[in-house]
């Protein structure tokens, strides 16, 4: 699945893994990239599923270049 633009003007992607350990490892890697960019996602995790929504709050909760940069970083961790 690729990133989609939601009706709330956010980029969204759902990731599914074999188990919780893989999902948590992915989240840890994403957290490091988010911290590097100083841009933090809204996300949820339930067992092996991680859902991520990206938008830039400082720009009125719209999608900006910063969101796309984080998408690229996340896709580098877990390609589409």
PDB file of N, CA and C in Angstrom:
ATOM      1  N   UNK A   1       0.849  -1.194   0.000  1.00  0.00           N
ATOM      2  CA  UNK A   1       0.000   0.000   0.000  1.00  0.00           C
ATOM      3  C   UNK A   1       0.881   1.239   0.000  1.00  0.00           C
ATOM      4  N   UNK A   2       0.483   2.217  -0.746  1.00  0.00           N
ATOM      5  CA  UNK A   2       1.203   3.481  -0.759  1.00  0.00           C
ATOM      6  C   UNK A   2       0.488   4.470   0.158  1.00  0.00           C
ATOM      7  N   UNK A   3       1.081   5.612   0.338  1.00  0.00           N
ATOM      8  CA  UNK A   3       0.469   6.647   1.157  1.00  0.00           C
ATOM      9  C   UNK A   3      -0.764   7.196   0.452  1.00  0.00           C
ATOM     10  N   UNK A   4      -1.811   7.464   1.229  1.00  0.00           N
ATOM     11  CA  UNK A   4      -3.022   8.064   0.680  1.00  0.00           C
ATOM     12  C   UNK A   4      -3.303   9.370   1.412  1.00  0.00           C
ATOM     13  N   UNK A   5      -3.986  10.267   0.735  1.00  0.00           N
ATOM     14  CA  UNK A   5      -4.386  11.529   1.338  1.00  0.00           C
ATOM     15  C   UNK A   5      -5.807  11.367   1.865  1.00  0.00           C
ATOM     16  N   UNK A   6      -5.981  11.564   3.164  1.00  0.00           N
ATOM     17  CA  UNK A   6      -7.294  11.384   3.778  1.00  0.00           C
ATOM     18  C   UNK A   6      -8.148  12.634   3.594  1.00  0.00           C
ATOM     19  N   UNK A   7      -9.414  12.509   3.907  1.00  0.00           N
ATOM     20  CA  UNK A   7     -10.317  13.659   3.827  1.00  0.00           C
ATOM     21  C   UNK A   7      -9.965  14.728   4.867  1.00  0.00           C
ATOM     22  N   UNK A   8      -9.163  14.348   5.864  1.00  0.00           N
ATOM     23  CA  UNK A   8      -8.710  15.304   6.881  1.00  0.00           C
ATOM     24  C   UNK A   8      -7.381  15.955   6.491  1.00  0.00           C
ATOM     25  N   UNK A   9      -6.989  15.823   5.235  1.00  0.00           N
ATOM     26  CA  UNK A   9      -5.753  16.409   4.705  1.00  0.00           C
ATOM     27  C   UNK A   9      -4.515  15.874   5.425  1.00  0.00           C
ATOM     28  N   UNK A  10      -4.472  14.567   5.613  1.00  0.00           N
ATOM     29  CA  UNK A  10      -3.323  13.897   6.209  1.00  0.00           C
ATOM     30  C   UNK A  10      -2.870  12.785   5.283  1.00  0.00           C
ATOM     31  N   UNK A  11      -1.561  12.506   5.308  1.00  0.00           N
ATOM     32  CA  UNK A  11      -1.051  11.335   4.612  1.00  0.00           C
ATOM     33  C   UNK A  11      -1.226  10.145   5.535  1.00  0.00           C
ATOM     34  N   UNK A  12      -1.673   9.030   4.992  1.00  0.00           N
ATOM     35  CA  UNK A  12      -1.980   7.847   5.799  1.00  0.00           C
ATOM     36  C   UNK A  12      -1.385   6.603   5.154  1.00  0.00           C
ATOM     37  N   UNK A  13      -0.893   5.733   6.018  1.00  0.00           N
ATOM     38  CA  UNK A  13      -0.460   4.410   5.550  1.00  0.00           C
ATOM     39  C   UNK A  13      -0.587   3.407   6.697  1.00  0.00           C
ATOM     40  N   UNK A  14      -1.010   2.200   6.339  1.00  0.00           N
ATOM     41  CA  UNK A  14      -1.142   1.097   7.294  1.00  0.00           C
ATOM     42  C   UNK A  14      -0.060   0.070   6.983  1.00  0.00           C
ATOM     43  N   UNK A  15       0.627  -0.384   8.024  1.00  0.00           N
ATOM     44  CA  UNK A  15       1.688  -1.373   7.905  1.00  0.00           C
ATOM     45  C   UNK A  15       1.298  -2.612   8.702  1.00  0.00           C
ATOM     46  N   UNK A  16       1.505  -3.780   8.134  1.00  0.00           N
ATOM     47  CA  UNK A  16       1.249  -5.028   8.848  1.00  0.00           C
ATOM     48  C   UNK A  16       2.527  -5.852   8.875  1.00  0.00           C
ATOM     49  N   UNK A  17       2.806  -6.426  10.033  1.00  0.00           N
ATOM     50  CA  UNK A  17       4.022  -7.198  10.243  1.00  0.00           C
ATOM     51  C   UNK A  17       3.665  -8.601  10.712  1.00  0.00           C
ATOM     52  N   UNK A  18       4.672  -9.451  10.787  1.00  0.00           N
ATOM     53  CA  UNK A  18       4.443 -10.842  11.186  1.00  0.00           C
ATOM     54  C   UNK A  18       4.033 -10.954  12.652  1.00  0.00           C
ATOM     55  N   UNK A  19       4.524 -10.017  13.478  1.00  0.00           N
ATOM     56  CA  UNK A  19       4.242 -10.092  14.916  1.00  0.00           C
ATOM     57  C   UNK A  19       4.496  -8.735  15.572  1.00  0.00           C
ATOM     58  N   UNK A  20       4.255  -8.671  16.869  1.00  0.00           N
ATOM     59  CA  UNK A  20       4.425  -7.427  17.611  1.00  0.00           C
ATOM     60  C   UNK A  20       5.879  -6.973  17.634  1.00  0.00           C
ATOM     61  N   UNK A  21       6.811  -7.900  17.752  1.00  0.00           N
ATOM     62  CA  UNK A  21       8.225  -7.542  17.814  1.00  0.00           C
ATOM     63  C   UNK A  21       8.662  -6.813  16.549  1.00  0.00           C
ATOM     64  N   UNK A  22       8.247  -7.297  15.385  1.00  0.00           N
ATOM     65  CA  UNK A  22       8.584  -6.619  14.132  1.00  0.00           C
ATOM     66  C   UNK A  22       7.921  -5.245  14.051  1.00  0.00           C
ATOM     67  N   UNK A  23       6.684  -5.149  14.488  1.00  0.00           N
ATOM     68  CA  UNK A  23       5.982  -3.862  14.475  1.00  0.00           C
ATOM     69  C   UNK A  23       6.676  -2.864  15.389  1.00  0.00           C
ATOM     70  N   UNK A  24       7.085  -3.329  16.563  1.00  0.00           N
ATOM     71  CA  UNK A  24       7.736  -2.440  17.521  1.00  0.00           C
ATOM     72  C   UNK A  24       9.111  -2.003  17.013  1.00  0.00           C
ATOM     73  N   UNK A  25       9.845  -2.896  16.386  1.00  0.00           N
ATOM     74  CA  UNK A  25      11.147  -2.550  15.817  1.00  0.00           C
ATOM     75  C   UNK A  25      10.980  -1.484  14.726  1.00  0.00           C
ATOM     76  N   UNK A  26       9.949  -1.638  13.907  1.00  0.00           N
ATOM     77  CA  UNK A  26       9.645  -0.647  12.878  1.00  0.00           C
ATOM     78  C   UNK A  26       9.347   0.701  13.517  1.00  0.00           C
ATOM     79  N   UNK A  27       8.513   0.713  14.539  1.00  0.00           N
ATOM     80  CA  UNK A  27       8.167   1.962  15.215  1.00  0.00           C
ATOM     81  C   UNK A  27       9.406   2.630  15.812  1.00  0.00           C
ATOM     82  N   UNK A  28      10.303   1.841  16.350  1.00  0.00           N
ATOM     83  CA  UNK A  28      11.537   2.393  16.907  1.00  0.00           C
ATOM     84  C   UNK A  28      12.361   3.069  15.817  1.00  0.00           C
ATOM     85  N   UNK A  29      12.476   2.426  14.674  1.00  0.00           N
ATOM     86  CA  UNK A  29      13.219   3.013  13.555  1.00  0.00           C
ATOM     87  C   UNK A  29      12.557   4.291  13.059  1.00  0.00           C
ATOM     88  N   UNK A  30      11.236   4.287  12.971  1.00  0.00           N
ATOM     89  CA  UNK A  30      10.506   5.485  12.547  1.00  0.00           C
ATOM     90  C   UNK A  30      10.704   6.603  13.571  1.00  0.00           C
ATOM     91  N   UNK A  31      10.669   6.258  14.843  1.00  0.00           N
ATOM     92  CA  UNK A  31      10.851   7.271  15.888  1.00  0.00           C
ATOM     93  C   UNK A  31      12.204   7.967  15.751  1.00  0.00           C
ATOM     94  N   UNK A  32      13.236   7.221  15.430  1.00  0.00           N
ATOM     95  CA  UNK A  32      14.564   7.818  15.259  1.00  0.00           C
ATOM     96  C   UNK A  32      14.585   8.769  14.063  1.00  0.00           C
ATOM     97  N   UNK A  33      13.939   8.393  12.966  1.00  0.00           N
ATOM     98  CA  UNK A  33      13.870   9.274  11.801  1.00  0.00           C
ATOM     99  C   UNK A  33      13.022  10.515  12.094  1.00  0.00           C
ATOM    100  N   UNK A  34      11.925  10.329  12.786  1.00  0.00           N
ATOM    101  CA  UNK A  34      11.055  11.453  13.142  1.00  0.00           C
ATOM    102  C   UNK A  34      11.799  12.442  14.030  1.00  0.00           C
ATOM    103  N   UNK A  35      12.568  11.938  14.956  1.00  0.00           N
ATOM    104  CA  UNK A  35      13.338  12.811  15.843  1.00  0.00           C
ATOM    105  C   UNK A  35      14.407  13.559  15.054  1.00  0.00           C
ATOM    106  N   UNK A  36      15.040  12.870  14.112  1.00  0.00           N
ATOM    107  CA  UNK A  36      16.068  13.507  13.280  1.00  0.00           C
ATOM    108  C   UNK A  36      15.475  14.678  12.489  1.00  0.00           C
ATOM    109  N   UNK A  37      14.251  14.500  11.999  1.00  0.00           N
ATOM    110  CA  UNK A  37      13.574  15.543  11.229  1.00  0.00           C
ATOM    111  C   UNK A  37      12.810  16.532  12.118  1.00  0.00           C
ATOM    112  N   UNK A  38      12.727  16.221  13.408  1.00  0.00           N
ATOM    113  CA  UNK A  38      11.926  17.011  14.347  1.00  0.00           C
ATOM    114  C   UNK A  38      10.488  17.144  13.833  1.00  0.00           C
ATOM    115  N   UNK A  39       9.952  16.008  13.406  1.00  0.00           N
ATOM    116  CA  UNK A  39       8.591  15.954  12.865  1.00  0.00           C
ATOM    117  C   UNK A  39       7.989  14.619  13.296  1.00  0.00           C
ATOM    118  N   UNK A  40       6.996  14.670  14.143  1.00  0.00           N
ATOM    119  CA  UNK A  40       6.529  13.468  14.821  1.00  0.00           C
ATOM    120  C   UNK A  40       5.140  13.057  14.344  1.00  0.00           C
ATOM    121  N   UNK A  41       4.981  11.780  14.034  1.00  0.00           N
ATOM    122  CA  UNK A  41       3.711  11.308  13.469  1.00  0.00           C
ATOM    123  C   UNK A  41       2.639  11.084  14.530  1.00  0.00           C
ATOM    124  N   UNK A  42       1.423  11.074  14.051  1.00  0.00           N
ATOM    125  CA  UNK A  42       0.318  10.517  14.818  1.00  0.00           C
ATOM    126  C   UNK A  42       0.291   9.060  14.397  1.00  0.00           C
ATOM    127  N   UNK A  43       0.284   8.136  15.364  1.00  0.00           N
ATOM    128  CA  UNK A  43       0.281   6.729  14.988  1.00  0.00           C
ATOM    129  C   UNK A  43      -0.380   5.879  16.043  1.00  0.00           C
ATOM    130  N   UNK A  44      -0.767   4.698  15.621  1.00  0.00           N
ATOM    131  CA  UNK A  44      -1.325   3.710  16.538  1.00  0.00           C
ATOM    132  C   UNK A  44      -0.645   2.376  16.265  1.00  0.00           C
ATOM    133  N   UNK A  45      -0.682   1.532  17.279  1.00  0.00           N
ATOM    134  CA  UNK A  45      -0.143   0.182  17.150  1.00  0.00           C
ATOM    135  C   UNK A  45      -1.065  -0.763  17.885  1.00  0.00           C
ATOM    136  N   UNK A  46      -1.455  -1.817  17.199  1.00  0.00           N
ATOM    137  CA  UNK A  46      -2.191  -2.896  17.833  1.00  0.00           C
ATOM    138  C   UNK A  46      -1.612  -4.202  17.324  1.00  0.00           C
ATOM    139  N   UNK A  47      -0.919  -4.898  18.202  1.00  0.00           N
ATOM    140  CA  UNK A  47      -0.208  -6.131  17.926  1.00  0.00           C
ATOM    141  C   UNK A  47       0.729  -5.992  16.739  1.00  0.00           C
ATOM    142  N   UNK A  48       0.345  -6.440  15.555  1.00  0.00           N
ATOM    143  CA  UNK A  48       1.253  -6.420  14.406  1.00  0.00           C
ATOM    144  C   UNK A  48       0.905  -5.337  13.381  1.00  0.00           C
ATOM    145  N   UNK A  49       0.007  -4.432  13.727  1.00  0.00           N
ATOM    146  CA  UNK A  49      -0.437  -3.391  12.800  1.00  0.00           C
ATOM    147  C   UNK A  49      -0.029  -2.020  13.336  1.00  0.00           C
ATOM    148  N   UNK A  50       0.599  -1.240  12.460  1.00  0.00           N
ATOM    149  CA  UNK A  50       0.963   0.145  12.770  1.00  0.00           C
ATOM    150  C   UNK A  50       0.285   1.025  11.730  1.00  0.00           C
ATOM    151  N   UNK A  51      -0.441   2.040  12.195  1.00  0.00           N
ATOM    152  CA  UNK A  51      -1.061   3.007  11.302  1.00  0.00           C
ATOM    153  C   UNK A  51      -0.439   4.369  11.579  1.00  0.00           C
ATOM    154  N   UNK A  52      -0.120   5.097  10.498  1.00  0.00           N
ATOM    155  CA  UNK A  52       0.547   6.395  10.624  1.00  0.00           C
ATOM    156  C   UNK A  52      -0.224   7.441   9.836  1.00  0.00           C
ATOM    157  N   UNK A  53      -0.412   8.609  10.452  1.00  0.00           N
ATOM    158  CA  UNK A  53      -0.996   9.782   9.808  1.00  0.00           C
ATOM    159  C   UNK A  53       0.009  10.910   9.917  1.00  0.00           C
ATOM    160  N   UNK A  54       0.252  11.609   8.825  1.00  0.00           N
ATOM    161  CA  UNK A  54       1.207  12.715   8.817  1.00  0.00           C
ATOM    162  C   UNK A  54       0.547  13.990   8.324  1.00  0.00           C
ATOM    163  N   UNK A  55       0.782  15.063   9.061  1.00  0.00           N
ATOM    164  CA  UNK A  55       0.431  16.416   8.639  1.00  0.00           C
ATOM    165  C   UNK A  55       1.274  17.362   9.482  1.00  0.00           C
ATOM    166  N   UNK A  56       1.351  18.602   9.059  1.00  0.00           N
ATOM    167  CA  UNK A  56       2.168  19.578   9.783  1.00  0.00           C
ATOM    168  C   UNK A  56       1.245  20.511  10.549  1.00  0.00           C
ATOM    169  N   UNK A  57       1.265  20.389  11.860  1.00  0.00           N
ATOM    170  CA  UNK A  57       0.362  21.162  12.716  1.00  0.00           C
ATOM    171  C   UNK A  57       0.610  22.659  12.593  1.00  0.00           C
ATOM    172  N   UNK A  58       1.893  23.048  12.488  1.00  0.00           N
ATOM    173  CA  UNK A  58       2.244  24.462  12.414  1.00  0.00           C
ATOM    174  C   UNK A  58       1.759  25.125  11.130  1.00  0.00           C
ATOM    175  N   UNK A  59       1.372  24.336  10.148  1.00  0.00           N
ATOM    176  CA  UNK A  59       0.872  24.855   8.874  1.00  0.00           C
ATOM    177  C   UNK A  59      -0.622  24.581   8.713  1.00  0.00           C
ATOM    178  N   UNK A  60      -1.326  24.509   9.824  1.00  0.00           N
ATOM    179  CA  UNK A  60      -2.776  24.314   9.771  1.00  0.00           C
ATOM    180  C   UNK A  60      -3.192  22.889   9.486  1.00  0.00           C
ATOM    181  N   UNK A  61      -2.359  21.930   9.947  1.00  0.00           N
ATOM    182  CA  UNK A  61      -2.659  20.508   9.756  1.00  0.00           C
ATOM    183  C   UNK A  61      -2.800  20.146   8.282  1.00  0.00           C
ATOM    184  N   UNK A  62      -1.923  20.665   7.463  1.00  0.00           N
ATOM    185  CA  UNK A  62      -1.893  20.310   6.048  1.00  0.00           C
ATOM    186  C   UNK A  62      -0.611  19.533   5.767  1.00  0.00           C
ATOM    187  N   UNK A  63      -0.552  18.934   4.605  1.00  0.00           N
ATOM    188  CA  UNK A  63       0.617  18.171   4.196  1.00  0.00           C
ATOM    189  C   UNK A  63       1.649  19.131   3.603  1.00  0.00           C
ATOM    190  N   UNK A  64       2.872  19.037   4.103  1.00  0.00           N
ATOM    191  CA  UNK A  64       3.958  19.900   3.635  1.00  0.00           C
ATOM    192  C   UNK A  64       5.137  19.035   3.173  1.00  0.00           C
ATOM    193  N   UNK A  65       6.176  19.700   2.688  1.00  0.00           N
ATOM    194  CA  UNK A  65       7.390  18.983   2.277  1.00  0.00           C
ATOM    195  C   UNK A  65       7.963  18.153   3.421  1.00  0.00           C
ATOM    196  N   UNK A  66       7.829  18.632   4.637  1.00  0.00           N
ATOM    197  CA  UNK A  66       8.337  17.896   5.791  1.00  0.00           C
ATOM    198  C   UNK A  66       7.634  16.543   5.934  1.00  0.00           C
ATOM    199  N   UNK A  67       6.346  16.520   5.674  1.00  0.00           N
ATOM    200  CA  UNK A  67       5.604  15.253   5.732  1.00  0.00           C
ATOM    201  C   UNK A  67       6.101  14.291   4.663  1.00  0.00           C
ATOM    202  N   UNK A  68       6.338  14.805   3.460  1.00  0.00           N
ATOM    203  CA  UNK A  68       6.837  13.959   2.388  1.00  0.00           C
ATOM    204  C   UNK A  68       8.240  13.438   2.697  1.00  0.00           C
ATOM    205  N   UNK A  69       9.065  14.260   3.350  1.00  0.00           N
ATOM    206  CA  UNK A  69      10.404  13.799   3.739  1.00  0.00           C
ATOM    207  C   UNK A  69      10.305  12.649   4.729  1.00  0.00           C
ATOM    208  N   UNK A  70       9.376  12.761   5.690  1.00  0.00           N
ATOM    209  CA  UNK A  70       9.211  11.677   6.650  1.00  0.00           C
ATOM    210  C   UNK A  70       8.632  10.437   5.959  1.00  0.00           C
ATOM    211  N   UNK A  71       7.724  10.621   5.012  1.00  0.00           N
ATOM    212  CA  UNK A  71       7.216   9.481   4.226  1.00  0.00           C
ATOM    213  C   UNK A  71       8.368   8.750   3.556  1.00  0.00           C
ATOM    214  N   UNK A  72       9.252   9.488   2.920  1.00  0.00           N
ATOM    215  CA  UNK A  72      10.396   8.881   2.237  1.00  0.00           C
ATOM    216  C   UNK A  72      11.277   8.115   3.219  1.00  0.00           C
ATOM    217  N   UNK A  73      11.506   8.702   4.391  1.00  0.00           N
ATOM    218  CA  UNK A  73      12.315   8.034   5.398  1.00  0.00           C
ATOM    219  C   UNK A  73      11.636   6.743   5.866  1.00  0.00           C
ATOM    220  N   UNK A  74      10.327   6.797   6.070  1.00  0.00           N
ATOM    221  CA  UNK A  74       9.572   5.618   6.507  1.00  0.00           C
ATOM    222  C   UNK A  74       9.585   4.559   5.402  1.00  0.00           C
ATOM    223  N   UNK A  75       9.420   4.982   4.168  1.00  0.00           N
ATOM    224  CA  UNK A  75       9.446   4.035   3.053  1.00  0.00           C
ATOM    225  C   UNK A  75      10.820   3.383   2.922  1.00  0.00           C
ATOM    226  N   UNK A  76      11.862   4.077   3.338  1.00  0.00           N
ATOM    227  CA  UNK A  76      13.193   3.489   3.348  1.00  0.00           C
ATOM    228  C   UNK A  76      13.332   2.392   4.393  1.00  0.00           C
ATOM    229  N   UNK A  77      12.544   2.501   5.447  1.00  0.00           N
ATOM    230  CA  UNK A  77      12.544   1.492   6.511  1.00  0.00           C
ATOM    231  C   UNK A  77      11.684   0.296   6.097  1.00  0.00           C
ATOM    232  N   UNK A  78      10.514   0.606   5.537  1.00  0.00           N
ATOM    233  CA  UNK A  78       9.556  -0.426   5.119  1.00  0.00           C
ATOM    234  C   UNK A  78       8.972  -0.014   3.785  1.00  0.00           C
ATOM    235  N   UNK A  79       9.573  -0.461   2.687  1.00  0.00           N
ATOM    236  CA  UNK A  79       9.126  -0.017   1.356  1.00  0.00           C
ATOM    237  C   UNK A  79       7.662  -0.380   1.082  1.00  0.00           C
ATOM    238  N   UNK A  80       7.050   0.381   0.139  1.00  0.00           N
ATOM    239  CA  UNK A  80       5.641   0.125  -0.210  1.00  0.00           C
ATOM    240  C   UNK A  80       5.419  -1.248  -0.792  1.00  0.00           C
TER     241      UNK A  80
END
